[in-house]
């Protein structure tokens, strides 16, 4: 798997890091939106006095 092109390996690793960062950001925002919707639904389900 060792390729003689060193810059290509560096670029590939950087792209992999960017993809991992985007996945983490996507999961974070997905969880954040899910929590916001759940809290909003729970607050709506509570009857206000």
Protein backbone atom coordinates (compact mmCIF):
# COMPACT_ATOMS: atom_id res chain seq x y z
CA UNK A 1 0.00 0.00 0.00
CA UNK A 2 3.03 2.31 0.37
CA UNK A 3 2.98 4.59 -2.65
CA UNK A 4 6.10 6.45 -3.84
CA UNK A 5 4.09 9.67 -4.11
CA UNK A 6 4.55 11.32 -0.72
CA UNK A 7 2.49 14.50 -1.41
CA UNK A 8 -0.41 12.34 -2.60
CA UNK A 9 -0.33 10.41 0.69
CA UNK A 10 -0.30 13.70 2.62
CA UNK A 11 -3.21 15.07 0.59
CA UNK A 12 -5.12 11.81 1.06
CA UNK A 13 -4.63 11.95 4.83
CA UNK A 14 -5.75 15.58 4.95
CA UNK A 15 -8.89 14.75 2.97
CA UNK A 16 -9.57 11.86 5.35
CA UNK A 17 -9.20 14.21 8.34
CA UNK A 18 -11.57 16.72 6.73
CA UNK A 19 -14.11 13.96 6.05
CA UNK A 20 -13.88 12.74 9.65
CA UNK A 21 -14.33 16.31 10.90
CA UNK A 22 -17.38 16.83 8.67
CA UNK A 23 -18.87 13.54 9.92
CA UNK A 24 -18.34 14.62 13.53
CA UNK A 25 -19.92 18.01 12.83
CA UNK A 26 -22.86 16.32 11.11
CA UNK A 27 -23.41 14.00 14.06
CA UNK A 28 -23.15 16.92 16.49
CA UNK A 29 -25.67 19.07 14.61
CA UNK A 30 -27.97 16.07 14.11
CA UNK A 31 -27.94 15.30 17.83
CA UNK A 32 -28.42 18.99 18.66
CA UNK A 33 -31.47 19.29 16.36
CA UNK A 34 -32.86 15.99 17.71
CA UNK A 35 -32.53 17.24 21.31
CA UNK A 36 -34.13 20.57 20.44
CA UNK A 37 -37.12 18.88 18.75
CA UNK A 38 -37.50 16.40 21.64
CA UNK A 39 -37.41 19.18 24.26
CA UNK A 40 -39.87 21.24 22.23
CA UNK A 41 -42.23 18.26 21.93
CA UNK A 42 -41.98 17.49 25.66
CA UNK A 43 -42.64 21.13 26.57
CA UNK A 44 -45.67 21.17 24.25
CA UNK A 45 -47.01 17.91 25.75
CA UNK A 46 -46.94 19.42 29.27
CA UNK A 47 -50.29 21.11 29.94
CA UNK A 48 -49.76 24.72 30.94
CA UNK A 49 -51.71 25.88 33.99
